[in-house]
Amino acid sequence: MSVLHHIYSQSDVRTLMDECKNLYSPDGIRSYTTNIIIGLLWSTGMRPSEPVNLLNEDVDFKNNTLHIRKTKFSKERYIPIHKSVTEQLCSYHQWIEEKLGLKSSKDPFFYTTGGQKID
């Protein structure tokens, strides 16, 4: 099976992120989470499975880094992120805490409808 690769332009990514508003999301969590993950994937080059495995403790707002524990080849790594990405992640984190309640450092960073862990 061959894998087709596509490089998304900034315009493509903005369109995808804007379309997240149209996702079925009765409590708003799914659409906001999807928007943030698309931006994170585009800005960091992370593999699609990596954001869904992030825990709260993996996102370092002070040092602008993400700790990736479960990688394709079972190696962990740190990804530097731009301050603007950190700001978006921080806003999302605060919104989730207000919506779902305070989460521990071992809890997932990303959630979907009904406060379920995204997978």
PDB file of N, CA and C in Angstrom:
ATOM      1  N   MET A   1       0.844  -1.175   0.000  1.00  0.00           N
ATOM      2  CA  MET A   1       0.000   0.000   0.000  1.00  0.00           C
ATOM      3  C   MET A   1       0.884   1.232   0.000  1.00  0.00           C
ATOM      4  N   SER A   2       0.681   2.111  -0.947  1.00  0.00           N
ATOM      5  CA  SER A   2       1.481   3.316  -1.002  1.00  0.00           C
ATOM      6  C   SER A   2       0.806   4.427  -0.200  1.00  0.00           C
ATOM      7  N   VAL A   3       1.624   5.286   0.377  1.00  0.00           N
ATOM      8  CA  VAL A   3       1.131   6.399   1.170  1.00  0.00           C
ATOM      9  C   VAL A   3       1.282   7.669   0.343  1.00  0.00           C
ATOM     10  N   LEU A   4       0.202   8.387   0.203  1.00  0.00           N
ATOM     11  CA  LEU A   4       0.250   9.654  -0.507  1.00  0.00           C
ATOM     12  C   LEU A   4       0.494  10.770   0.496  1.00  0.00           C
ATOM     13  N   HIS A   5       1.447  11.607   0.210  1.00  0.00           N
ATOM     14  CA  HIS A   5       1.760  12.724   1.088  1.00  0.00           C
ATOM     15  C   HIS A   5       1.230  14.007   0.463  1.00  0.00           C
ATOM     16  N   HIS A   6       0.809  14.904   1.292  1.00  0.00           N
ATOM     17  CA  HIS A   6       0.326  16.194   0.815  1.00  0.00           C
ATOM     18  C   HIS A   6       0.857  17.269   1.749  1.00  0.00           C
ATOM     19  N   ILE A   7       1.411  18.308   1.192  1.00  0.00           N
ATOM     20  CA  ILE A   7       1.874  19.433   1.985  1.00  0.00           C
ATOM     21  C   ILE A   7       0.778  20.488   1.957  1.00  0.00           C
ATOM     22  N   TYR A   8       0.280  20.823   3.125  1.00  0.00           N
ATOM     23  CA  TYR A   8      -0.792  21.798   3.237  1.00  0.00           C
ATOM     24  C   TYR A   8      -0.210  23.207   3.274  1.00  0.00           C
ATOM     25  N   SER A   9      -0.833  24.102   2.538  1.00  0.00           N
ATOM     26  CA  SER A   9      -0.425  25.510   2.568  1.00  0.00           C
ATOM     27  C   SER A   9      -1.005  26.158   3.822  1.00  0.00           C
ATOM     28  N   GLN A  10      -0.525  27.341   4.129  1.00  0.00           N
ATOM     29  CA  GLN A  10      -1.063  28.076   5.266  1.00  0.00           C
ATOM     30  C   GLN A  10      -2.558  28.330   5.070  1.00  0.00           C
ATOM     31  N   SER A  11      -2.952  28.618   3.858  1.00  0.00           N
ATOM     32  CA  SER A  11      -4.361  28.840   3.545  1.00  0.00           C
ATOM     33  C   SER A  11      -5.182  27.568   3.780  1.00  0.00           C
ATOM     34  N   ASP A  12      -4.645  26.409   3.369  1.00  0.00           N
ATOM     35  CA  ASP A  12      -5.323  25.128   3.599  1.00  0.00           C
ATOM     36  C   ASP A  12      -5.544  24.890   5.093  1.00  0.00           C
ATOM     37  N   VAL A  13      -4.513  25.145   5.872  1.00  0.00           N
ATOM     38  CA  VAL A  13      -4.583  24.901   7.314  1.00  0.00           C
ATOM     39  C   VAL A  13      -5.596  25.840   7.958  1.00  0.00           C
ATOM     40  N   ARG A  14      -5.587  27.117   7.559  1.00  0.00           N
ATOM     41  CA  ARG A  14      -6.556  28.080   8.093  1.00  0.00           C
ATOM     42  C   ARG A  14      -7.984  27.620   7.771  1.00  0.00           C
ATOM     43  N   THR A  15      -8.191  27.136   6.547  1.00  0.00           N
ATOM     44  CA  THR A  15      -9.514  26.653   6.159  1.00  0.00           C
ATOM     45  C   THR A  15      -9.934  25.474   7.031  1.00  0.00           C
ATOM     46  N   LEU A  16      -9.028  24.512   7.231  1.00  0.00           N
ATOM     47  CA  LEU A  16      -9.336  23.371   8.101  1.00  0.00           C
ATOM     48  C   LEU A  16      -9.687  23.829   9.514  1.00  0.00           C
ATOM     49  N   MET A  17      -8.885  24.758  10.029  1.00  0.00           N
ATOM     50  CA  MET A  17      -9.123  25.243  11.390  1.00  0.00           C
ATOM     51  C   MET A  17     -10.454  25.993  11.482  1.00  0.00           C
ATOM     52  N   ASP A  18     -10.759  26.797  10.464  1.00  0.00           N
ATOM     53  CA  ASP A  18     -12.032  27.520  10.450  1.00  0.00           C
ATOM     54  C   ASP A  18     -13.221  26.557  10.377  1.00  0.00           C
ATOM     55  N   GLU A  19     -13.066  25.477   9.635  1.00  0.00           N
ATOM     56  CA  GLU A  19     -14.140  24.496   9.481  1.00  0.00           C
ATOM     57  C   GLU A  19     -14.423  23.726  10.772  1.00  0.00           C
ATOM     58  N   CYS A  20     -13.509  23.767  11.708  1.00  0.00           N
ATOM     59  CA  CYS A  20     -13.744  23.088  12.987  1.00  0.00           C
ATOM     60  C   CYS A  20     -14.981  23.633  13.682  1.00  0.00           C
ATOM     61  N   LYS A  21     -15.321  24.879  13.410  1.00  0.00           N
ATOM     62  CA  LYS A  21     -16.523  25.482  14.010  1.00  0.00           C
ATOM     63  C   LYS A  21     -17.783  24.749  13.572  1.00  0.00           C
ATOM     64  N   ASN A  22     -17.716  24.054  12.433  1.00  0.00           N
ATOM     65  CA  ASN A  22     -18.886  23.359  11.895  1.00  0.00           C
ATOM     66  C   ASN A  22     -19.001  21.908  12.350  1.00  0.00           C
ATOM     67  N   LEU A  23     -18.036  21.435  13.130  1.00  0.00           N
ATOM     68  CA  LEU A  23     -18.107  20.062  13.632  1.00  0.00           C
ATOM     69  C   LEU A  23     -19.241  19.939  14.650  1.00  0.00           C
ATOM     70  N   TYR A  24     -19.883  18.787  14.668  1.00  0.00           N
ATOM     71  CA  TYR A  24     -20.889  18.543  15.699  1.00  0.00           C
ATOM     72  C   TYR A  24     -20.176  18.526  17.049  1.00  0.00           C
ATOM     73  N   SER A  25     -20.553  19.447  17.905  1.00  0.00           N
ATOM     74  CA  SER A  25     -19.871  19.594  19.187  1.00  0.00           C
ATOM     75  C   SER A  25     -20.823  20.277  20.169  1.00  0.00           C
ATOM     76  N   PRO A  26     -21.734  19.508  20.784  1.00  0.00           N
ATOM     77  CA  PRO A  26     -22.763  20.113  21.631  1.00  0.00           C
ATOM     78  C   PRO A  26     -22.224  20.936  22.801  1.00  0.00           C
ATOM     79  N   ASP A  27     -21.060  20.569  23.318  1.00  0.00           N
ATOM     80  CA  ASP A  27     -20.492  21.336  24.428  1.00  0.00           C
ATOM     81  C   ASP A  27     -19.299  22.196  23.992  1.00  0.00           C
ATOM     82  N   GLY A  28     -18.972  22.173  22.693  1.00  0.00           N
ATOM     83  CA  GLY A  28     -17.888  22.998  22.166  1.00  0.00           C
ATOM     84  C   GLY A  28     -16.502  22.399  22.299  1.00  0.00           C
ATOM     85  N   ILE A  29     -16.373  21.311  23.054  1.00  0.00           N
ATOM     86  CA  ILE A  29     -15.043  20.755  23.322  1.00  0.00           C
ATOM     87  C   ILE A  29     -14.432  20.153  22.058  1.00  0.00           C
ATOM     88  N   ARG A  30     -15.196  19.358  21.345  1.00  0.00           N
ATOM     89  CA  ARG A  30     -14.661  18.681  20.151  1.00  0.00           C
ATOM     90  C   ARG A  30     -14.160  19.678  19.107  1.00  0.00           C
ATOM     91  N   SER A  31     -14.938  20.717  18.836  1.00  0.00           N
ATOM     92  CA  SER A  31     -14.533  21.675  17.803  1.00  0.00           C
ATOM     93  C   SER A  31     -13.297  22.466  18.232  1.00  0.00           C
ATOM     94  N   TYR A  32     -13.229  22.885  19.484  1.00  0.00           N
ATOM     95  CA  TYR A  32     -12.069  23.637  19.968  1.00  0.00           C
ATOM     96  C   TYR A  32     -10.826  22.751  19.981  1.00  0.00           C
ATOM     97  N   THR A  33     -10.964  21.533  20.470  1.00  0.00           N
ATOM     98  CA  THR A  33      -9.831  20.609  20.533  1.00  0.00           C
ATOM     99  C   THR A  33      -9.290  20.308  19.143  1.00  0.00           C
ATOM    100  N   THR A  34     -10.187  20.029  18.207  1.00  0.00           N
ATOM    101  CA  THR A  34      -9.757  19.718  16.835  1.00  0.00           C
ATOM    102  C   THR A  34      -9.019  20.902  16.223  1.00  0.00           C
ATOM    103  N   ASN A  35      -9.520  22.092  16.450  1.00  0.00           N
ATOM    104  CA  ASN A  35      -8.874  23.300  15.954  1.00  0.00           C
ATOM    105  C   ASN A  35      -7.453  23.427  16.499  1.00  0.00           C
ATOM    106  N   ILE A  36      -7.307  23.243  17.788  1.00  0.00           N
ATOM    107  CA  ILE A  36      -5.988  23.375  18.428  1.00  0.00           C
ATOM    108  C   ILE A  36      -5.040  22.286  17.936  1.00  0.00           C
ATOM    109  N   ILE A  37      -5.515  21.058  17.807  1.00  0.00           N
ATOM    110  CA  ILE A  37      -4.647  19.965  17.357  1.00  0.00           C
ATOM    111  C   ILE A  37      -4.189  20.184  15.915  1.00  0.00           C
ATOM    112  N   ILE A  38      -5.069  20.651  15.046  1.00  0.00           N
ATOM    113  CA  ILE A  38      -4.647  20.923  13.669  1.00  0.00           C
ATOM    114  C   ILE A  38      -3.537  21.972  13.655  1.00  0.00           C
ATOM    115  N   GLY A  39      -3.710  23.033  14.412  1.00  0.00           N
ATOM    116  CA  GLY A  39      -2.673  24.063  14.495  1.00  0.00           C
ATOM    117  C   GLY A  39      -1.379  23.526  15.075  1.00  0.00           C
ATOM    118  N   LEU A  40      -1.488  22.667  16.069  1.00  0.00           N
ATOM    119  CA  LEU A  40      -0.301  22.077  16.689  1.00  0.00           C
ATOM    120  C   LEU A  40       0.439  21.171  15.716  1.00  0.00           C
ATOM    121  N   LEU A  41      -0.284  20.347  14.994  1.00  0.00           N
ATOM    122  CA  LEU A  41       0.337  19.468  13.999  1.00  0.00           C
ATOM    123  C   LEU A  41       1.061  20.288  12.938  1.00  0.00           C
ATOM    124  N   TRP A  42       0.412  21.335  12.473  1.00  0.00           N
ATOM    125  CA  TRP A  42       0.989  22.150  11.411  1.00  0.00           C
ATOM    126  C   TRP A  42       2.218  22.920  11.893  1.00  0.00           C
ATOM    127  N   SER A  43       2.170  23.425  13.116  1.00  0.00           N
ATOM    128  CA  SER A  43       3.262  24.267  13.608  1.00  0.00           C
ATOM    129  C   SER A  43       4.466  23.474  14.119  1.00  0.00           C
ATOM    130  N   THR A  44       4.264  22.194  14.425  1.00  0.00           N
ATOM    131  CA  THR A  44       5.361  21.415  15.012  1.00  0.00           C
ATOM    132  C   THR A  44       5.850  20.262  14.143  1.00  0.00           C
ATOM    133  N   GLY A  45       5.018  19.777  13.236  1.00  0.00           N
ATOM    134  CA  GLY A  45       5.384  18.592  12.457  1.00  0.00           C
ATOM    135  C   GLY A  45       5.210  17.304  13.234  1.00  0.00           C
ATOM    136  N   MET A  46       4.481  17.359  14.339  1.00  0.00           N
ATOM    137  CA  MET A  46       4.219  16.149  15.123  1.00  0.00           C
ATOM    138  C   MET A  46       3.451  15.143  14.280  1.00  0.00           C
ATOM    139  N   ARG A  47       3.583  13.872  14.635  1.00  0.00           N
ATOM    140  CA  ARG A  47       2.777  12.827  14.014  1.00  0.00           C
ATOM    141  C   ARG A  47       1.356  12.934  14.584  1.00  0.00           C
ATOM    142  N   PRO A  48       0.339  12.591  13.808  1.00  0.00           N
ATOM    143  CA  PRO A  48      -1.043  12.744  14.283  1.00  0.00           C
ATOM    144  C   PRO A  48      -1.354  12.022  15.592  1.00  0.00           C
ATOM    145  N   SER A  49      -0.675  10.931  15.877  1.00  0.00           N
ATOM    146  CA  SER A  49      -0.948  10.203  17.116  1.00  0.00           C
ATOM    147  C   SER A  49      -0.336  10.877  18.347  1.00  0.00           C
ATOM    148  N   GLU A  50       0.610  11.756  18.155  1.00  0.00           N
ATOM    149  CA  GLU A  50       1.342  12.313  19.299  1.00  0.00           C
ATOM    150  C   GLU A  50       0.545  13.308  20.146  1.00  0.00           C
ATOM    151  N   PRO A  51      -0.214  14.229  19.570  1.00  0.00           N
ATOM    152  CA  PRO A  51      -0.977  15.135  20.442  1.00  0.00           C
ATOM    153  C   PRO A  51      -1.991  14.408  21.321  1.00  0.00           C
ATOM    154  N   VAL A  52      -2.622  13.355  20.796  1.00  0.00           N
ATOM    155  CA  VAL A  52      -3.645  12.666  21.584  1.00  0.00           C
ATOM    156  C   VAL A  52      -3.055  11.928  22.784  1.00  0.00           C
ATOM    157  N   ASN A  53      -1.750  11.695  22.779  1.00  0.00           N
ATOM    158  CA  ASN A  53      -1.103  11.022  23.906  1.00  0.00           C
ATOM    159  C   ASN A  53      -0.484  11.985  24.910  1.00  0.00           C
ATOM    160  N   LEU A  54      -0.589  13.290  24.656  1.00  0.00           N
ATOM    161  CA  LEU A  54      -0.004  14.259  25.581  1.00  0.00           C
ATOM    162  C   LEU A  54      -0.758  14.269  26.908  1.00  0.00           C
ATOM    163  N   LEU A  55       0.005  14.345  27.977  1.00  0.00           N
ATOM    164  CA  LEU A  55      -0.557  14.537  29.310  1.00  0.00           C
ATOM    165  C   LEU A  55      -0.328  15.999  29.703  1.00  0.00           C
ATOM    166  N   ASN A  56      -1.029  16.445  30.721  1.00  0.00           N
ATOM    167  CA  ASN A  56      -0.822  17.821  31.186  1.00  0.00           C
ATOM    168  C   ASN A  56       0.641  18.094  31.518  1.00  0.00           C
ATOM    169  N   GLU A  57       1.306  17.120  32.126  1.00  0.00           N
ATOM    170  CA  GLU A  57       2.703  17.323  32.516  1.00  0.00           C
ATOM    171  C   GLU A  57       3.657  17.384  31.320  1.00  0.00           C
ATOM    172  N   ASP A  58       3.202  17.009  30.155  1.00  0.00           N
ATOM    173  CA  ASP A  58       4.051  17.024  28.959  1.00  0.00           C
ATOM    174  C   ASP A  58       4.115  18.390  28.291  1.00  0.00           C
ATOM    175  N   VAL A  59       3.237  19.289  28.685  1.00  0.00           N
ATOM    176  CA  VAL A  59       3.192  20.620  28.085  1.00  0.00           C
ATOM    177  C   VAL A  59       3.825  21.602  29.066  1.00  0.00           C
ATOM    178  N   ASP A  60       4.997  22.110  28.703  1.00  0.00           N
ATOM    179  CA  ASP A  60       5.747  23.030  29.564  1.00  0.00           C
ATOM    180  C   ASP A  60       5.547  24.454  29.047  1.00  0.00           C
ATOM    181  N   PHE A  61       4.626  25.165  29.684  1.00  0.00           N
ATOM    182  CA  PHE A  61       4.296  26.516  29.261  1.00  0.00           C
ATOM    183  C   PHE A  61       5.447  27.493  29.513  1.00  0.00           C
ATOM    184  N   LYS A  62       6.221  27.253  30.551  1.00  0.00           N
ATOM    185  CA  LYS A  62       7.315  28.174  30.891  1.00  0.00           C
ATOM    186  C   LYS A  62       8.484  28.065  29.926  1.00  0.00           C
ATOM    187  N   ASN A  63       8.808  26.850  29.488  1.00  0.00           N
ATOM    188  CA  ASN A  63       9.967  26.641  28.613  1.00  0.00           C
ATOM    189  C   ASN A  63       9.592  26.417  27.144  1.00  0.00           C
ATOM    190  N   ASN A  64       8.298  26.558  26.832  1.00  0.00           N
ATOM    191  CA  ASN A  64       7.822  26.410  25.457  1.00  0.00           C
ATOM    192  C   ASN A  64       8.268  25.091  24.828  1.00  0.00           C
ATOM    193  N   THR A  65       7.974  24.000  25.517  1.00  0.00           N
ATOM    194  CA  THR A  65       8.339  22.683  25.002  1.00  0.00           C
ATOM    195  C   THR A  65       7.215  21.672  25.233  1.00  0.00           C
ATOM    196  N   LEU A  66       7.215  20.650  24.390  1.00  0.00           N
ATOM    197  CA  LEU A  66       6.322  19.509  24.544  1.00  0.00           C
ATOM    198  C   LEU A  66       7.181  18.271  24.741  1.00  0.00           C
ATOM    199  N   HIS A  67       6.804  17.431  25.674  1.00  0.00           N
ATOM    200  CA  HIS A  67       7.511  16.176  25.929  1.00  0.00           C
ATOM    201  C   HIS A  67       6.718  15.069  25.251  1.00  0.00           C
ATOM    202  N   ILE A  68       7.312  14.467  24.245  1.00  0.00           N
ATOM    203  CA  ILE A  68       6.664  13.384  23.519  1.00  0.00           C
ATOM    204  C   ILE A  68       7.205  12.075  24.062  1.00  0.00           C
ATOM    205  N   ARG A  69       6.348  11.301  24.711  1.00  0.00           N
ATOM    206  CA  ARG A  69       6.779  10.066  25.372  1.00  0.00           C
ATOM    207  C   ARG A  69       6.631   8.841  24.481  1.00  0.00           C
ATOM    208  N   LYS A  70       5.539   8.751  23.783  1.00  0.00           N
ATOM    209  CA  LYS A  70       5.265   7.557  22.983  1.00  0.00           C
ATOM    210  C   LYS A  70       5.493   7.897  21.519  1.00  0.00           C
ATOM    211  N   THR A  71       6.675   7.603  21.026  1.00  0.00           N
ATOM    212  CA  THR A  71       7.002   7.932  19.646  1.00  0.00           C
ATOM    213  C   THR A  71       6.949   6.686  18.774  1.00  0.00           C
ATOM    214  N   LYS A  72       7.107   6.911  17.501  1.00  0.00           N
ATOM    215  CA  LYS A  72       7.039   5.825  16.525  1.00  0.00           C
ATOM    216  C   LYS A  72       8.056   4.718  16.818  1.00  0.00           C
ATOM    217  N   PHE A  73       9.240   5.107  17.266  1.00  0.00           N
ATOM    218  CA  PHE A  73      10.295   4.125  17.530  1.00  0.00           C
ATOM    219  C   PHE A  73      10.591   3.992  19.016  1.00  0.00           C
ATOM    220  N   SER A  74       9.593   4.291  19.857  1.00  0.00           N
ATOM    221  CA  SER A  74       9.676   4.154  21.316  1.00  0.00           C
ATOM    222  C   SER A  74      10.791   4.987  21.940  1.00  0.00           C
ATOM    223  N   LYS A  75      11.117   6.100  21.324  1.00  0.00           N
ATOM    224  CA  LYS A  75      12.077   7.033  21.910  1.00  0.00           C
ATOM    225  C   LYS A  75      11.311   8.278  22.301  1.00  0.00           C
ATOM    226  N   GLU A  76      11.701   8.847  23.422  1.00  0.00           N
ATOM    227  CA  GLU A  76      11.039  10.090  23.792  1.00  0.00           C
ATOM    228  C   GLU A  76      11.858  11.267  23.295  1.00  0.00           C
ATOM    229  N   ARG A  77      11.178  12.405  23.122  1.00  0.00           N
ATOM    230  CA  ARG A  77      11.872  13.599  22.661  1.00  0.00           C
ATOM    231  C   ARG A  77      11.135  14.833  23.156  1.00  0.00           C
ATOM    232  N   TYR A  78      11.810  15.961  23.069  1.00  0.00           N
ATOM    233  CA  TYR A  78      11.225  17.245  23.415  1.00  0.00           C
ATOM    234  C   TYR A  78      11.117  18.078  22.145  1.00  0.00           C
ATOM    235  N   ILE A  79       9.988  18.734  21.986  1.00  0.00           N
ATOM    236  CA  ILE A  79       9.771  19.574  20.817  1.00  0.00           C
ATOM    237  C   ILE A  79       9.656  21.022  21.289  1.00  0.00           C
ATOM    238  N   PRO A  80      10.518  21.897  20.791  1.00  0.00           N
ATOM    239  CA  PRO A  80      10.355  23.319  21.117  1.00  0.00           C
ATOM    240  C   PRO A  80       9.160  23.883  20.345  1.00  0.00           C
ATOM    241  N   ILE A  81       8.419  24.743  20.985  1.00  0.00           N
ATOM    242  CA  ILE A  81       7.275  25.364  20.320  1.00  0.00           C
ATOM    243  C   ILE A  81       7.384  26.883  20.433  1.00  0.00           C
ATOM    244  N   HIS A  82       6.833  27.565  19.446  1.00  0.00           N
ATOM    245  CA  HIS A  82       6.847  29.017  19.422  1.00  0.00           C
ATOM    246  C   HIS A  82       5.955  29.551  20.543  1.00  0.00           C
ATOM    247  N   LYS A  83       6.293  30.729  21.028  1.00  0.00           N
ATOM    248  CA  LYS A  83       5.527  31.341  22.109  1.00  0.00           C
ATOM    249  C   LYS A  83       4.041  31.471  21.745  1.00  0.00           C
ATOM    250  N   SER A  84       3.732  31.748  20.483  1.00  0.00           N
ATOM    251  CA  SER A  84       2.332  31.877  20.066  1.00  0.00           C
ATOM    252  C   SER A  84       1.593  30.537  20.198  1.00  0.00           C
ATOM    253  N   VAL A  85       2.293  29.435  19.966  1.00  0.00           N
ATOM    254  CA  VAL A  85       1.698  28.103  20.135  1.00  0.00           C
ATOM    255  C   VAL A  85       1.462  27.849  21.617  1.00  0.00           C
ATOM    256  N   THR A  86       2.439  28.195  22.440  1.00  0.00           N
ATOM    257  CA  THR A  86       2.290  28.057  23.890  1.00  0.00           C
ATOM    258  C   THR A  86       1.080  28.837  24.378  1.00  0.00           C
ATOM    259  N   GLU A  87       0.901  30.040  23.862  1.00  0.00           N
ATOM    260  CA  GLU A  87      -0.236  30.863  24.270  1.00  0.00           C
ATOM    261  C   GLU A  87      -1.561  30.207  23.908  1.00  0.00           C
ATOM    262  N   GLN A  88      -1.647  29.622  22.711  1.00  0.00           N
ATOM    263  CA  GLN A  88      -2.866  28.934  22.296  1.00  0.00           C
ATOM    264  C   GLN A  88      -3.128  27.704  23.176  1.00  0.00           C
ATOM    265  N   LEU A  89      -2.068  26.946  23.470  1.00  0.00           N
ATOM    266  CA  LEU A  89      -2.214  25.758  24.328  1.00  0.00           C
ATOM    267  C   LEU A  89      -2.619  26.156  25.743  1.00  0.00           C
ATOM    268  N   CYS A  90      -2.064  27.252  26.227  1.00  0.00           N
ATOM    269  CA  CYS A  90      -2.403  27.734  27.571  1.00  0.00           C
ATOM    270  C   CYS A  90      -3.870  28.167  27.625  1.00  0.00           C
ATOM    271  N   SER A  91      -4.326  28.881  26.614  1.00  0.00           N
ATOM    272  CA  SER A  91      -5.739  29.292  26.561  1.00  0.00           C
ATOM    273  C   SER A  91      -6.662  28.073  26.531  1.00  0.00           C
ATOM    274  N   TYR A  92      -6.293  27.084  25.724  1.00  0.00           N
ATOM    275  CA  TYR A  92      -7.083  25.850  25.646  1.00  0.00           C
ATOM    276  C   TYR A  92      -7.115  25.165  27.018  1.00  0.00           C
ATOM    277  N   HIS A  93      -5.967  25.042  27.642  1.00  0.00           N
ATOM    278  CA  HIS A  93      -5.856  24.375  28.944  1.00  0.00           C
ATOM    279  C   HIS A  93      -6.730  25.069  29.994  1.00  0.00           C
ATOM    280  N   GLN A  94      -6.684  26.389  30.030  1.00  0.00           N
ATOM    281  CA  GLN A  94      -7.503  27.140  30.984  1.00  0.00           C
ATOM    282  C   GLN A  94      -8.989  26.945  30.697  1.00  0.00           C
ATOM    283  N   TRP A  95      -9.360  26.934  29.404  1.00  0.00           N
ATOM    284  CA  TRP A  95     -10.753  26.749  29.014  1.00  0.00           C
ATOM    285  C   TRP A  95     -11.248  25.364  29.431  1.00  0.00           C
ATOM    286  N   ILE A  96     -10.419  24.345  29.194  1.00  0.00           N
ATOM    287  CA  ILE A  96     -10.783  22.968  29.582  1.00  0.00           C
ATOM    288  C   ILE A  96     -10.937  22.860  31.098  1.00  0.00           C
ATOM    289  N   GLU A  97     -10.029  23.492  31.834  1.00  0.00           N
ATOM    290  CA  GLU A  97     -10.141  23.456  33.299  1.00  0.00           C
ATOM    291  C   GLU A  97     -11.444  24.094  33.769  1.00  0.00           C
ATOM    292  N   GLU A  98     -11.829  25.194  33.143  1.00  0.00           N
ATOM    293  CA  GLU A  98     -13.095  25.848  33.506  1.00  0.00           C
ATOM    294  C   GLU A  98     -14.289  24.974  33.126  1.00  0.00           C
ATOM    295  N   LYS A  99     -14.192  24.321  31.980  1.00  0.00           N
ATOM    296  CA  LYS A  99     -15.295  23.511  31.455  1.00  0.00           C
ATOM    297  C   LYS A  99     -15.455  22.191  32.212  1.00  0.00           C
ATOM    298  N   LEU A 100     -14.322  21.525  32.500  1.00  0.00           N
ATOM    299  CA  LEU A 100     -14.361  20.171  33.063  1.00  0.00           C
ATOM    300  C   LEU A 100     -13.886  20.074  34.510  1.00  0.00           C
ATOM    301  N   GLY A 101     -13.291  21.109  35.009  1.00  0.00           N
ATOM    302  CA  GLY A 101     -12.721  21.067  36.355  1.00  0.00           C
ATOM    303  C   GLY A 101     -11.222  20.855  36.296  1.00  0.00           C
ATOM    304  N   LEU A 102     -10.569  21.131  37.387  1.00  0.00           N
ATOM    305  CA  LEU A 102      -9.116  21.035  37.481  1.00  0.00           C
ATOM    306  C   LEU A 102      -8.653  19.608  37.210  1.00  0.00           C
ATOM    307  N   LYS A 103      -7.662  19.468  36.391  1.00  0.00           N
ATOM    308  CA  LYS A 103      -7.117  18.157  36.021  1.00  0.00           C
ATOM    309  C   LYS A 103      -5.730  17.995  36.618  1.00  0.00           C
ATOM    310  N   SER A 104      -5.357  16.751  36.923  1.00  0.00           N
ATOM    311  CA  SER A 104      -4.031  16.483  37.467  1.00  0.00           C
ATOM    312  C   SER A 104      -2.992  16.461  36.354  1.00  0.00           C
ATOM    313  N   SER A 105      -1.730  16.474  36.742  1.00  0.00           N
ATOM    314  CA  SER A 105      -0.634  16.471  35.762  1.00  0.00           C
ATOM    315  C   SER A 105      -0.601  15.179  34.956  1.00  0.00           C
ATOM    316  N   LYS A 106      -1.171  14.103  35.479  1.00  0.00           N
ATOM    317  CA  LYS A 106      -1.168  12.803  34.791  1.00  0.00           C
ATOM    318  C   LYS A 106      -2.382  12.616  33.878  1.00  0.00           C
ATOM    319  N   ASP A 107      -3.294  13.574  33.878  1.00  0.00           N
ATOM    320  CA  ASP A 107      -4.479  13.486  33.026  1.00  0.00           C
ATOM    321  C   ASP A 107      -4.147  13.908  31.599  1.00  0.00           C
ATOM    322  N   PRO A 108      -4.963  13.474  30.637  1.00  0.00           N
ATOM    323  CA  PRO A 108      -4.743  13.867  29.245  1.00  0.00           C
ATOM    324  C   PRO A 108      -4.819  15.386  29.077  1.00  0.00           C
ATOM    325  N   PHE A 109      -4.108  15.891  28.098  1.00  0.00           N
ATOM    326  CA  PHE A 109      -4.167  17.314  27.806  1.00  0.00           C
ATOM    327  C   PHE A 109      -5.381  17.631  26.931  1.00  0.00           C
ATOM    328  N   PHE A 110      -5.714  16.742  25.991  1.00  0.00           N
ATOM    329  CA  PHE A 110      -6.791  16.992  25.029  1.00  0.00           C
ATOM    330  C   PHE A 110      -8.025  16.136  25.321  1.00  0.00           C
ATOM    331  N   TYR A 111      -9.188  16.766  25.146  1.00  0.00           N
ATOM    332  CA  TYR A 111     -10.468  16.112  25.397  1.00  0.00           C
ATOM    333  C   TYR A 111     -11.411  16.317  24.223  1.00  0.00           C
ATOM    334  N   THR A 112     -12.478  15.508  24.196  1.00  0.00           N
ATOM    335  CA  THR A 112     -13.519  15.659  23.186  1.00  0.00           C
ATOM    336  C   THR A 112     -14.884  15.760  23.890  1.00  0.00           C
ATOM    337  N   THR A 113     -15.937  15.700  23.140  1.00  0.00           N
ATOM    338  CA  THR A 113     -17.297  15.871  23.646  1.00  0.00           C
ATOM    339  C   THR A 113     -17.530  15.073  24.925  1.00  0.00           C
ATOM    340  N   GLY A 114     -18.170  15.716  25.870  1.00  0.00           N
ATOM    341  CA  GLY A 114     -18.501  15.070  27.134  1.00  0.00           C
ATOM    342  C   GLY A 114     -17.331  14.898  28.068  1.00  0.00           C
ATOM    343  N   GLY A 115     -16.211  15.539  27.777  1.00  0.00           N
ATOM    344  CA  GLY A 115     -15.041  15.438  28.648  1.00  0.00           C
ATOM    345  C   GLY A 115     -14.303  14.118  28.530  1.00  0.00           C
ATOM    346  N   GLN A 116     -14.513  13.419  27.424  1.00  0.00           N
ATOM    347  CA  GLN A 116     -13.812  12.152  27.183  1.00  0.00           C
ATOM    348  C   GLN A 116     -12.413  12.419  26.614  1.00  0.00           C
ATOM    349  N   LYS A 117     -11.467  11.557  26.967  1.00  0.00           N
ATOM    350  CA  LYS A 117     -10.122  11.662  26.390  1.00  0.00           C
ATOM    351  C   LYS A 117     -10.224  11.475  24.883  1.00  0.00           C
ATOM    352  N   ILE A 118      -9.538  12.311  24.135  1.00  0.00           N
ATOM    353  CA  ILE A 118      -9.559  12.179  22.679  1.00  0.00           C
ATOM    354  C   ILE A 118      -8.651  11.005  22.277  1.00  0.00           C
ATOM    355  N   ASP A 119      -9.063  10.282  21.251  1.00  0.00           N
ATOM    356  CA  ASP A 119      -8.211   9.179  20.779  1.00  0.00           C
ATOM    357  C   ASP A 119      -8.102   9.193  19.273  1.00  0.00           C
TER     358      ASP A 119
END
